[in-house]
Amino acid sequence: PLVHVIAAKAVCFAEAMTHNFISYQKQVIKNAKILCDVL
């Protein structure tokens, strides 16, 4: 296995369990809808 990548995955999963990550994903969807509407 690529242990260095697994370590980075562990960090990524931890980051995804934060409130900031949830806020980020909400903004991702808002931004997609805005871009879609403009086009």
Full PDB file with SEQRES, HELIX, SHEET, SSBOND, CRYST1, ORIGX, SCALE, CONECT and MASTER records, all heavy atoms in Angstrom:
SEQRES   1 A   39  PRO LEU VAL HIS VAL ILE ALA ALA LYS ALA VAL CYS PHE          
SEQRES   2 A   39  ALA GLU ALA MET THR HIS ASN PHE ILE SER TYR GLN LYS          
SEQRES   3 A   39  GLN VAL ILE LYS ASN ALA LYS ILE LEU CYS ASP VAL LEU          
HELIX    1 AA1 VAL A    3  GLU A   15  1                                  13    
HELIX    2 AA2 HIS A   19  VAL A   38  1                                  20    
CRYST1    1.000    1.000    1.000  90.00  90.00  90.00 P 1           1          
ORIGX1      1.000000  0.000000  0.000000        0.00000                         
ORIGX2      0.000000  1.000000  0.000000        0.00000                         
ORIGX3      0.000000  0.000000  1.000000        0.00000                         
SCALE1      1.000000  0.000000  0.000000        0.00000                         
SCALE2      0.000000  1.000000  0.000000        0.00000                         
SCALE3      0.000000  0.000000  1.000000        0.00000                         
ATOM      1  N   PRO A   1       0.828  -1.202   0.000  1.00  0.00           N  
ATOM      2  CA  PRO A   1       0.000   0.000   0.000  1.00  0.00           C  
ATOM      3  C   PRO A   1       0.865   1.256   0.000  1.00  0.00           C  
ATOM      4  O   PRO A   1       2.025   1.226   0.417  1.00  0.00           O  
ATOM      5  CB  PRO A   1      -0.786  -0.121   1.307  1.00  0.00           C  
ATOM      6  CG  PRO A   1       0.097  -0.917   2.209  1.00  0.00           C  
ATOM      7  CD  PRO A   1       0.802  -1.895   1.308  1.00  0.00           C  
ATOM      8  N   LEU A   2       0.301   2.365  -0.458  1.00  0.00           N  
ATOM      9  CA  LEU A   2       1.000   3.643  -0.454  1.00  0.00           C  
ATOM     10  C   LEU A   2       0.758   4.300   0.899  1.00  0.00           C  
ATOM     11  O   LEU A   2      -0.214   5.030   1.091  1.00  0.00           O  
ATOM     12  CB  LEU A   2       0.496   4.525  -1.590  1.00  0.00           C  
ATOM     13  CG  LEU A   2       0.520   3.870  -2.980  1.00  0.00           C  
ATOM     14  CD1 LEU A   2      -0.060   4.816  -4.027  1.00  0.00           C  
ATOM     15  CD2 LEU A   2       1.936   3.448  -3.362  1.00  0.00           C  
ATOM     16  N   VAL A   3       1.634   4.029   1.853  1.00  0.00           N  
ATOM     17  CA  VAL A   3       1.408   4.440   3.236  1.00  0.00           C  
ATOM     18  C   VAL A   3       1.341   5.960   3.364  1.00  0.00           C  
ATOM     19  O   VAL A   3       0.568   6.493   4.157  1.00  0.00           O  
ATOM     20  CB  VAL A   3       2.507   3.873   4.165  1.00  0.00           C  
ATOM     21  CG1 VAL A   3       2.224   4.269   5.606  1.00  0.00           C  
ATOM     22  CG2 VAL A   3       2.572   2.352   4.052  1.00  0.00           C  
ATOM     23  N   HIS A   4       2.144   6.660   2.571  1.00  0.00           N  
ATOM     24  CA  HIS A   4       2.104   8.127   2.621  1.00  0.00           C  
ATOM     25  C   HIS A   4       0.741   8.658   2.166  1.00  0.00           C  
ATOM     26  O   HIS A   4       0.235   9.641   2.710  1.00  0.00           O  
ATOM     27  CB  HIS A   4       3.232   8.724   1.776  1.00  0.00           C  
ATOM     28  CG  HIS A   4       3.262   8.277   0.359  1.00  0.00           C  
ATOM     29  ND1 HIS A   4       3.384   6.953  -0.008  1.00  0.00           N  
ATOM     30  CD2 HIS A   4       3.184   8.972  -0.806  1.00  0.00           C  
ATOM     31  CE1 HIS A   4       3.385   6.859  -1.323  1.00  0.00           C  
ATOM     32  NE2 HIS A   4       3.255   8.066  -1.828  1.00  0.00           N  
ATOM     33  N   VAL A   5       0.132   7.983   1.194  1.00  0.00           N  
ATOM     34  CA  VAL A   5      -1.198   8.391   0.723  1.00  0.00           C  
ATOM     35  C   VAL A   5      -2.253   8.028   1.767  1.00  0.00           C  
ATOM     36  O   VAL A   5      -3.202   8.791   1.995  1.00  0.00           O  
ATOM     37  CB  VAL A   5      -1.518   7.751  -0.639  1.00  0.00           C  
ATOM     38  CG1 VAL A   5      -2.912   8.175  -1.110  1.00  0.00           C  
ATOM     39  CG2 VAL A   5      -0.479   8.139  -1.679  1.00  0.00           C  
ATOM     40  N   ILE A   6      -2.104   6.882   2.404  1.00  0.00           N  
ATOM     41  CA  ILE A   6      -3.038   6.483   3.459  1.00  0.00           C  
ATOM     42  C   ILE A   6      -3.008   7.493   4.607  1.00  0.00           C  
ATOM     43  O   ILE A   6      -4.048   7.842   5.173  1.00  0.00           O  
ATOM     44  CB  ILE A   6      -2.723   5.056   3.953  1.00  0.00           C  
ATOM     45  CG1 ILE A   6      -3.087   4.036   2.866  1.00  0.00           C  
ATOM     46  CG2 ILE A   6      -3.470   4.745   5.250  1.00  0.00           C  
ATOM     47  CD1 ILE A   6      -2.680   2.613   3.179  1.00  0.00           C  
ATOM     48  N   ALA A   7      -1.826   7.976   4.940  1.00  0.00           N  
ATOM     49  CA  ALA A   7      -1.724   9.010   5.981  1.00  0.00           C  
ATOM     50  C   ALA A   7      -2.468  10.273   5.558  1.00  0.00           C  
ATOM     51  O   ALA A   7      -3.173  10.898   6.362  1.00  0.00           O  
ATOM     52  CB  ALA A   7      -0.253   9.336   6.255  1.00  0.00           C  
ATOM     53  N   ALA A   8      -2.327  10.646   4.286  1.00  0.00           N  
ATOM     54  CA  ALA A   8      -3.034  11.821   3.783  1.00  0.00           C  
ATOM     55  C   ALA A   8      -4.537  11.587   3.772  1.00  0.00           C  
ATOM     56  O   ALA A   8      -5.324  12.510   4.019  1.00  0.00           O  
ATOM     57  CB  ALA A   8      -2.525  12.172   2.382  1.00  0.00           C  
ATOM     58  N   LYS A   9      -4.959  10.346   3.498  1.00  0.00           N  
ATOM     59  CA  LYS A   9      -6.387  10.011   3.565  1.00  0.00           C  
ATOM     60  C   LYS A   9      -6.901  10.183   4.999  1.00  0.00           C  
ATOM     61  O   LYS A   9      -8.004  10.707   5.210  1.00  0.00           O  
ATOM     62  CB  LYS A   9      -6.622   8.569   3.102  1.00  0.00           C  
ATOM     63  CG  LYS A   9      -6.431   8.326   1.616  1.00  0.00           C  
ATOM     64  CD  LYS A   9      -6.601   6.847   1.280  1.00  0.00           C  
ATOM     65  CE  LYS A   9      -6.290   6.556  -0.174  1.00  0.00           C  
ATOM     66  NZ  LYS A   9      -6.424   5.119  -0.513  1.00  0.00           N  
ATOM     67  N   ALA A  10      -6.115   9.739   5.965  1.00  0.00           N  
ATOM     68  CA  ALA A  10      -6.520   9.872   7.372  1.00  0.00           C  
ATOM     69  C   ALA A  10      -6.737  11.333   7.733  1.00  0.00           C  
ATOM     70  O   ALA A  10      -7.699  11.687   8.423  1.00  0.00           O  
ATOM     71  CB  ALA A  10      -5.460   9.249   8.284  1.00  0.00           C  
ATOM     72  N   VAL A  11      -5.838  12.198   7.265  1.00  0.00           N  
ATOM     73  CA  VAL A  11      -5.975  13.642   7.505  1.00  0.00           C  
ATOM     74  C   VAL A  11      -7.231  14.173   6.830  1.00  0.00           C  
ATOM     75  O   VAL A  11      -8.013  14.923   7.429  1.00  0.00           O  
ATOM     76  CB  VAL A  11      -4.732  14.398   6.981  1.00  0.00           C  
ATOM     77  CG1 VAL A  11      -4.947  15.909   7.055  1.00  0.00           C  
ATOM     78  CG2 VAL A  11      -3.489  14.002   7.771  1.00  0.00           C  
ATOM     79  N   CYS A  12      -7.436  13.771   5.583  1.00  0.00           N  
ATOM     80  CA  CYS A  12      -8.609  14.208   4.818  1.00  0.00           C  
ATOM     81  C   CYS A  12      -9.905  13.822   5.508  1.00  0.00           C  
ATOM     82  O   CYS A  12     -10.833  14.634   5.631  1.00  0.00           O  
ATOM     83  CB  CYS A  12      -8.537  13.595   3.421  1.00  0.00           C  
ATOM     84  SG  CYS A  12     -10.094  13.280   2.600  1.00  0.00           S  
ATOM     85  N   PHE A  13     -10.008  12.577   6.001  1.00  0.00           N  
ATOM     86  CA  PHE A  13     -11.236  12.125   6.682  1.00  0.00           C  
ATOM     87  C   PHE A  13     -11.472  12.944   7.953  1.00  0.00           C  
ATOM     88  O   PHE A  13     -12.618  13.282   8.279  1.00  0.00           O  
ATOM     89  CB  PHE A  13     -11.142  10.639   7.032  1.00  0.00           C  
ATOM     90  CG  PHE A  13     -10.946   9.724   5.849  1.00  0.00           C  
ATOM     91  CD1 PHE A  13     -10.189   8.559   5.968  1.00  0.00           C  
ATOM     92  CD2 PHE A  13     -11.510  10.017   4.627  1.00  0.00           C  
ATOM     93  CE1 PHE A  13     -10.006   7.714   4.889  1.00  0.00           C  
ATOM     94  CE2 PHE A  13     -11.331   9.172   3.529  1.00  0.00           C  
ATOM     95  CZ  PHE A  13     -10.572   8.017   3.663  1.00  0.00           C  
ATOM     96  N   ALA A  14     -10.392  13.236   8.674  1.00  0.00           N  
ATOM     97  CA  ALA A  14     -10.519  14.044   9.893  1.00  0.00           C  
ATOM     98  C   ALA A  14     -11.009  15.453   9.560  1.00  0.00           C  
ATOM     99  O   ALA A  14     -11.881  16.005  10.246  1.00  0.00           O  
ATOM    100  CB  ALA A  14      -9.182  14.100  10.632  1.00  0.00           C  
ATOM    101  N   GLU A  15     -10.461  16.033   8.493  1.00  0.00           N  
ATOM    102  CA  GLU A  15     -10.899  17.366   8.076  1.00  0.00           C  
ATOM    103  C   GLU A  15     -12.371  17.369   7.676  1.00  0.00           C  
ATOM    104  O   GLU A  15     -13.087  18.357   7.890  1.00  0.00           O  
ATOM    105  CB  GLU A  15     -10.040  17.860   6.906  1.00  0.00           C  
ATOM    106  CG  GLU A  15      -8.598  18.166   7.296  1.00  0.00           C  
ATOM    107  CD  GLU A  15      -7.727  18.547   6.112  1.00  0.00           C  
ATOM    108  OE1 GLU A  15      -8.143  18.309   4.950  1.00  0.00           O  
ATOM    109  OE2 GLU A  15      -6.615  19.075   6.340  1.00  0.00           O  
ATOM    110  N   ALA A  16     -12.823  16.259   7.082  1.00  0.00           N  
ATOM    111  CA  ALA A  16     -14.214  16.173   6.612  1.00  0.00           C  
ATOM    112  C   ALA A  16     -15.219  16.025   7.750  1.00  0.00           C  
ATOM    113  O   ALA A  16     -16.425  16.087   7.512  1.00  0.00           O  
ATOM    114  CB  ALA A  16     -14.361  15.015   5.628  1.00  0.00           C  
ATOM    115  N   MET A  17     -14.741  15.825   8.977  1.00  0.00           N  
ATOM    116  CA  MET A  17     -15.634  15.706  10.127  1.00  0.00           C  
ATOM    117  C   MET A  17     -15.779  17.015  10.893  1.00  0.00           C  
ATOM    118  O   MET A  17     -16.298  17.041  12.002  1.00  0.00           O  
ATOM    119  CB  MET A  17     -15.149  14.588  11.056  1.00  0.00           C  
ATOM    120  CG  MET A  17     -15.423  13.191  10.503  1.00  0.00           C  
ATOM    121  SD  MET A  17     -15.043  11.846  11.660  1.00  0.00           S  
ATOM    122  CE  MET A  17     -13.305  11.585  11.334  1.00  0.00           C  
ATOM    123  N   THR A  18     -15.331  18.121  10.288  1.00  0.00           N  
ATOM    124  CA  THR A  18     -15.395  19.418  10.955  1.00  0.00           C  
ATOM    125  C   THR A  18     -16.586  20.233  10.460  1.00  0.00           C  
ATOM    126  O   THR A  18     -17.113  19.995   9.371  1.00  0.00           O  
ATOM    127  CB  THR A  18     -14.109  20.222  10.707  1.00  0.00           C  
ATOM    128  OG1 THR A  18     -14.005  20.521   9.307  1.00  0.00           O  
ATOM    129  CG2 THR A  18     -12.882  19.447  11.156  1.00  0.00           C  
ATOM    130  N   HIS A  19     -16.995  21.213  11.264  1.00  0.00           N  
ATOM    131  CA  HIS A  19     -18.077  22.115  10.860  1.00  0.00           C  
ATOM    132  C   HIS A  19     -17.679  22.934   9.640  1.00  0.00           C  
ATOM    133  O   HIS A  19     -18.519  23.252   8.789  1.00  0.00           O  
ATOM    134  CB  HIS A  19     -18.454  23.035  12.022  1.00  0.00           C  
ATOM    135  CG  HIS A  19     -19.130  22.330  13.165  1.00  0.00           C  
ATOM    136  ND1 HIS A  19     -20.337  21.687  13.021  1.00  0.00           N  
ATOM    137  CD2 HIS A  19     -18.764  22.160  14.456  1.00  0.00           C  
ATOM    138  CE1 HIS A  19     -20.691  21.160  14.180  1.00  0.00           C  
ATOM    139  NE2 HIS A  19     -19.746  21.418  15.077  1.00  0.00           N  
ATOM    140  N   ASN A  20     -16.402  23.292   9.558  1.00  0.00           N  
ATOM    141  CA  ASN A  20     -15.930  24.064   8.407  1.00  0.00           C  
ATOM    142  C   ASN A  20     -16.134  23.310   7.102  1.00  0.00           C  
ATOM    143  O   ASN A  20     -16.458  23.915   6.066  1.00  0.00           O  
ATOM    144  CB  ASN A  20     -14.436  24.406   8.566  1.00  0.00           C  
ATOM    145  CG  ASN A  20     -14.205  25.521   9.568  1.00  0.00           C  
ATOM    146  OD1 ASN A  20     -15.127  26.244   9.920  1.00  0.00           O  
ATOM    147  ND2 ASN A  20     -12.979  25.643  10.038  1.00  0.00           N  
ATOM    148  N   PHE A  21     -15.959  22.000   7.153  1.00  0.00           N  
ATOM    149  CA  PHE A  21     -16.131  21.187   5.945  1.00  0.00           C  
ATOM    150  C   PHE A  21     -17.597  21.182   5.508  1.00  0.00           C  
ATOM    151  O   PHE A  21     -17.895  21.257   4.308  1.00  0.00           O  
ATOM    152  CB  PHE A  21     -15.635  19.757   6.197  1.00  0.00           C  
ATOM    153  CG  PHE A  21     -15.620  18.900   4.958  1.00  0.00           C  
ATOM    154  CD1 PHE A  21     -14.570  18.989   4.055  1.00  0.00           C  
ATOM    155  CD2 PHE A  21     -16.645  18.002   4.693  1.00  0.00           C  
ATOM    156  CE1 PHE A  21     -14.548  18.203   2.909  1.00  0.00           C  
ATOM    157  CE2 PHE A  21     -16.631  17.213   3.555  1.00  0.00           C  
ATOM    158  CZ  PHE A  21     -15.576  17.303   2.666  1.00  0.00           C  
ATOM    159  N   ILE A  22     -18.499  21.083   6.469  1.00  0.00           N  
ATOM    160  CA  ILE A  22     -19.928  21.118   6.134  1.00  0.00           C  
ATOM    161  C   ILE A  22     -20.288  22.465   5.497  1.00  0.00           C  
ATOM    162  O   ILE A  22     -21.002  22.511   4.476  1.00  0.00           O  
ATOM    163  CB  ILE A  22     -20.786  20.858   7.384  1.00  0.00           C  
ATOM    164  CG1 ILE A  22     -20.536  19.430   7.907  1.00  0.00           C  
ATOM    165  CG2 ILE A  22     -22.275  21.059   7.078  1.00  0.00           C  
ATOM    166  CD1 ILE A  22     -21.198  19.135   9.237  1.00  0.00           C  
ATOM    167  N   SER A  23     -19.791  23.547   6.065  1.00  0.00           N  
ATOM    168  CA  SER A  23     -20.034  24.877   5.500  1.00  0.00           C  
ATOM    169  C   SER A  23     -19.474  24.978   4.081  1.00  0.00           C  
ATOM    170  O   SER A  23     -20.095  25.570   3.187  1.00  0.00           O  
ATOM    171  CB  SER A  23     -19.398  25.954   6.381  1.00  0.00           C  
ATOM    172  OG  SER A  23     -19.977  25.953   7.669  1.00  0.00           O  
ATOM    173  N   TYR A  24     -18.297  24.387   3.896  1.00  0.00           N  
ATOM    174  CA  TYR A  24     -17.671  24.376   2.573  1.00  0.00           C  
ATOM    175  C   TYR A  24     -18.549  23.660   1.547  1.00  0.00           C  
ATOM    176  O   TYR A  24     -18.793  24.168   0.446  1.00  0.00           O  
ATOM    177  CB  TYR A  24     -16.291  23.715   2.663  1.00  0.00           C  
ATOM    178  CG  TYR A  24     -15.755  23.213   1.348  1.00  0.00           C  
ATOM    179  CD1 TYR A  24     -15.378  24.103   0.347  1.00  0.00           C  
ATOM    180  CD2 TYR A  24     -15.634  21.850   1.106  1.00  0.00           C  
ATOM    181  CE1 TYR A  24     -14.891  23.641  -0.871  1.00  0.00           C  
ATOM    182  CE2 TYR A  24     -15.148  21.376  -0.096  1.00  0.00           C  
ATOM    183  CZ  TYR A  24     -14.779  22.272  -1.092  1.00  0.00           C  
ATOM    184  OH  TYR A  24     -14.304  21.812  -2.292  1.00  0.00           O  
ATOM    185  N   GLN A  25     -19.066  22.488   1.905  1.00  0.00           N  
ATOM    186  CA  GLN A  25     -19.885  21.725   0.968  1.00  0.00           C  
ATOM    187  C   GLN A  25     -21.190  22.448   0.645  1.00  0.00           C  
ATOM    188  O   GLN A  25     -21.680  22.401  -0.493  1.00  0.00           O  
ATOM    189  CB  GLN A  25     -20.164  20.326   1.517  1.00  0.00           C  
ATOM    190  CG  GLN A  25     -18.943  19.440   1.683  1.00  0.00           C  
ATOM    191  CD  GLN A  25     -18.273  19.094   0.365  1.00  0.00           C  
ATOM    192  OE1 GLN A  25     -18.840  19.255  -0.713  1.00  0.00           O  
ATOM    193  NE2 GLN A  25     -17.037  18.603   0.440  1.00  0.00           N  
ATOM    194  N   LYS A  26     -21.760  23.128   1.629  1.00  0.00           N  
ATOM    195  CA  LYS A  26     -22.968  23.921   1.369  1.00  0.00           C  
ATOM    196  C   LYS A  26     -22.675  25.013   0.354  1.00  0.00           C  
ATOM    197  O   LYS A  26     -23.486  25.292  -0.540  1.00  0.00           O  
ATOM    198  CB  LYS A  26     -23.489  24.522   2.675  1.00  0.00           C  
ATOM    199  CG  LYS A  26     -24.126  23.514   3.616  1.00  0.00           C  
ATOM    200  CD  LYS A  26     -24.609  24.183   4.902  1.00  0.00           C  
ATOM    201  CE  LYS A  26     -25.272  23.167   5.832  1.00  0.00           C  
ATOM    202  NZ  LYS A  26     -25.692  23.799   7.117  1.00  0.00           N  
ATOM    203  N   GLN A  27     -21.495  25.617   0.478  1.00  0.00           N  
ATOM    204  CA  GLN A  27     -21.110  26.675  -0.455  1.00  0.00           C  
ATOM    205  C   GLN A  27     -20.847  26.109  -1.844  1.00  0.00           C  
ATOM    206  O   GLN A  27     -21.147  26.760  -2.855  1.00  0.00           O  
ATOM    207  CB  GLN A  27     -19.874  27.408   0.067  1.00  0.00           C  
ATOM    208  CG  GLN A  27     -19.546  28.689  -0.691  1.00  0.00           C  
ATOM    209  CD  GLN A  27     -20.616  29.746  -0.528  1.00  0.00           C  
ATOM    210  OE1 GLN A  27     -21.022  30.067   0.584  1.00  0.00           O  
ATOM    211  NE2 GLN A  27     -21.091  30.292  -1.642  1.00  0.00           N  
ATOM    212  N   VAL A  28     -20.295  24.907  -1.909  1.00  0.00           N  
ATOM    213  CA  VAL A  28     -20.072  24.244  -3.199  1.00  0.00           C  
ATOM    214  C   VAL A  28     -21.387  24.140  -3.971  1.00  0.00           C  
ATOM    215  O   VAL A  28     -21.466  24.455  -5.168  1.00  0.00           O  
ATOM    216  CB  VAL A  28     -19.461  22.836  -3.004  1.00  0.00           C  
ATOM    217  CG1 VAL A  28     -19.538  22.026  -4.299  1.00  0.00           C  
ATOM    218  CG2 VAL A  28     -18.011  22.934  -2.546  1.00  0.00           C  
ATOM    219  N   ILE A  29     -22.440  23.699  -3.284  1.00  0.00           N  
ATOM    220  CA  ILE A  29     -23.745  23.543  -3.923  1.00  0.00           C  
ATOM    221  C   ILE A  29     -24.340  24.896  -4.301  1.00  0.00           C  
ATOM    222  O   ILE A  29     -24.872  25.068  -5.405  1.00  0.00           O  
ATOM    223  CB  ILE A  29     -24.698  22.759  -2.997  1.00  0.00           C  
ATOM    224  CG1 ILE A  29     -24.180  21.326  -2.800  1.00  0.00           C  
ATOM    225  CG2 ILE A  29     -26.118  22.729  -3.575  1.00  0.00           C  
ATOM    226  CD1 ILE A  29     -24.962  20.524  -1.771  1.00  0.00           C  
ATOM    227  N   LYS A  30     -24.253  25.871  -3.400  1.00  0.00           N  
ATOM    228  CA  LYS A  30     -24.755  27.218  -3.712  1.00  0.00           C  
ATOM    229  C   LYS A  30     -24.069  27.775  -4.957  1.00  0.00           C  
ATOM    230  O   LYS A  30     -24.716  28.345  -5.847  1.00  0.00           O  
ATOM    231  CB  LYS A  30     -24.490  28.166  -2.539  1.00  0.00           C  
ATOM    232  CG  LYS A  30     -25.371  27.974  -1.325  1.00  0.00           C  
ATOM    233  CD  LYS A  30     -24.972  28.971  -0.237  1.00  0.00           C  
ATOM    234  CE  LYS A  30     -25.734  28.744   1.058  1.00  0.00           C  
ATOM    235  NZ  LYS A  30     -25.286  29.682   2.123  1.00  0.00           N  
ATOM    236  N   ASN A  31     -22.751  27.607  -5.008  1.00  0.00           N  
ATOM    237  CA  ASN A  31     -21.995  28.136  -6.139  1.00  0.00           C  
ATOM    238  C   ASN A  31     -22.359  27.444  -7.445  1.00  0.00           C  
ATOM    239  O   ASN A  31     -22.438  28.088  -8.504  1.00  0.00           O  
ATOM    240  CB  ASN A  31     -20.496  28.000  -5.875  1.00  0.00           C  
ATOM    241  CG  ASN A  31     -20.000  28.958  -4.810  1.00  0.00           C  
ATOM    242  OD1 ASN A  31     -20.665  29.933  -4.466  1.00  0.00           O  
ATOM    243  ND2 ASN A  31     -18.821  28.685  -4.272  1.00  0.00           N  
ATOM    244  N   ALA A  32     -22.594  26.131  -7.372  1.00  0.00           N  
ATOM    245  CA  ALA A  32     -22.980  25.390  -8.582  1.00  0.00           C  
ATOM    246  C   ALA A  32     -24.329  25.875  -9.103  1.00  0.00           C  
ATOM    247  O   ALA A  32     -24.520  26.048 -10.314  1.00  0.00           O  
ATOM    248  CB  ALA A  32     -23.026  23.894  -8.293  1.00  0.00           C  
ATOM    249  N   LYS A  33     -25.257  26.096  -8.202  1.00  0.00           N  
ATOM    250  CA  LYS A  33     -26.587  26.561  -8.621  1.00  0.00           C  
ATOM    251  C   LYS A  33     -26.510  27.960  -9.230  1.00  0.00           C  
ATOM    252  O   LYS A  33     -27.181  28.257 -10.229  1.00  0.00           O  
ATOM    253  CB  LYS A  33     -27.551  26.536  -7.438  1.00  0.00           C  
ATOM    254  CG  LYS A  33     -27.926  25.120  -6.988  1.00  0.00           C  
ATOM    255  CD  LYS A  33     -28.967  25.145  -5.893  1.00  0.00           C  
ATOM    256  CE  LYS A  33     -29.306  23.730  -5.425  1.00  0.00           C  
ATOM    257  NZ  LYS A  33     -29.908  22.916  -6.503  1.00  0.00           N  
ATOM    258  N   ILE A  34     -25.677  28.831  -8.649  1.00  0.00           N  
ATOM    259  CA  ILE A  34     -25.512  30.178  -9.195  1.00  0.00           C  
ATOM    260  C   ILE A  34     -24.904  30.119 -10.596  1.00  0.00           C  
ATOM    261  O   ILE A  34     -25.390  30.765 -11.538  1.00  0.00           O  
ATOM    262  CB  ILE A  34     -24.630  31.037  -8.265  1.00  0.00           C  
ATOM    263  CG1 ILE A  34     -25.412  31.424  -7.011  1.00  0.00           C  
ATOM    264  CG2 ILE A  34     -24.130  32.284  -8.989  1.00  0.00           C  
ATOM    265  CD1 ILE A  34     -26.557  32.388  -7.253  1.00  0.00           C  
ATOM    266  N   LEU A  35     -23.822  29.364 -10.752  1.00  0.00           N  
ATOM    267  CA  LEU A  35     -23.172  29.247 -12.056  1.00  0.00           C  
ATOM    268  C   LEU A  35     -24.145  28.697 -13.089  1.00  0.00           C  
ATOM    269  O   LEU A  35     -24.218  29.184 -14.228  1.00  0.00           O  
ATOM    270  CB  LEU A  35     -21.931  28.357 -11.955  1.00  0.00           C  
ATOM    271  CG  LEU A  35     -21.158  28.121 -13.254  1.00  0.00           C  
ATOM    272  CD1 LEU A  35     -20.676  29.442 -13.860  1.00  0.00           C  
ATOM    273  CD2 LEU A  35     -19.971  27.177 -13.013  1.00  0.00           C  
ATOM    274  N   CYS A  36     -24.887  27.684 -12.687  1.00  0.00           N  
ATOM    275  CA  CYS A  36     -25.875  27.068 -13.580  1.00  0.00           C  
ATOM    276  C   CYS A  36     -26.933  28.091 -14.004  1.00  0.00           C  
ATOM    277  O   CYS A  36     -27.266  28.219 -15.190  1.00  0.00           O  
ATOM    278  CB  CYS A  36     -26.529  25.890 -12.861  1.00  0.00           C  
ATOM    279  SG  CYS A  36     -27.565  24.870 -13.907  1.00  0.00           S  
ATOM    280  N   ASP A  37     -27.444  28.838 -13.053  1.00  0.00           N  
ATOM    281  CA  ASP A  37     -28.489  29.837 -13.343  1.00  0.00           C  
ATOM    282  C   ASP A  37     -27.976  30.934 -14.265  1.00  0.00           C  
ATOM    283  O   ASP A  37     -28.689  31.382 -15.178  1.00  0.00           O  
ATOM    284  CB  ASP A  37     -29.012  30.446 -12.041  1.00  0.00           C  
ATOM    285  CG  ASP A  37     -29.878  29.476 -11.237  1.00  0.00           C  
ATOM    286  OD1 ASP A  37     -30.304  28.457 -11.811  1.00  0.00           O  
ATOM    287  OD2 ASP A  37     -30.109  29.746 -10.037  1.00  0.00           O  
ATOM    288  N   VAL A  38     -26.747  31.395 -14.023  1.00  0.00           N  
ATOM    289  CA  VAL A  38     -26.173  32.441 -14.873  1.00  0.00           C  
ATOM    290  C   VAL A  38     -26.045  31.952 -16.310  1.00  0.00           C  
ATOM    291  O   VAL A  38     -26.417  32.660 -17.259  1.00  0.00           O  
ATOM    292  CB  VAL A  38     -24.797  32.895 -14.331  1.00  0.00           C  
ATOM    293  CG1 VAL A  38     -24.083  33.807 -15.345  1.00  0.00           C  
ATOM    294  CG2 VAL A  38     -24.953  33.612 -13.003  1.00  0.00           C  
ATOM    295  N   LEU A  39     -25.534  30.742 -16.488  1.00  0.00           N  
ATOM    296  CA  LEU A  39     -25.366  30.201 -17.833  1.00  0.00           C  
ATOM    297  C   LEU A  39     -26.714  30.019 -18.532  1.00  0.00           C  
ATOM    298  O   LEU A  39     -26.838  30.288 -19.736  1.00  0.00           O  
ATOM    299  CB  LEU A  39     -24.598  28.880 -17.775  1.00  0.00           C  
ATOM    300  CG  LEU A  39     -23.117  29.001 -17.384  1.00  0.00           C  
ATOM    301  CD1 LEU A  39     -22.484  27.620 -17.208  1.00  0.00           C  
ATOM    302  CD2 LEU A  39     -22.333  29.807 -18.421  1.00  0.00           C  
TER     303      LEU A  39                                                      
MASTER        0    0    0    2    0    0    0    6  302    1    0    3          
END                                                                             
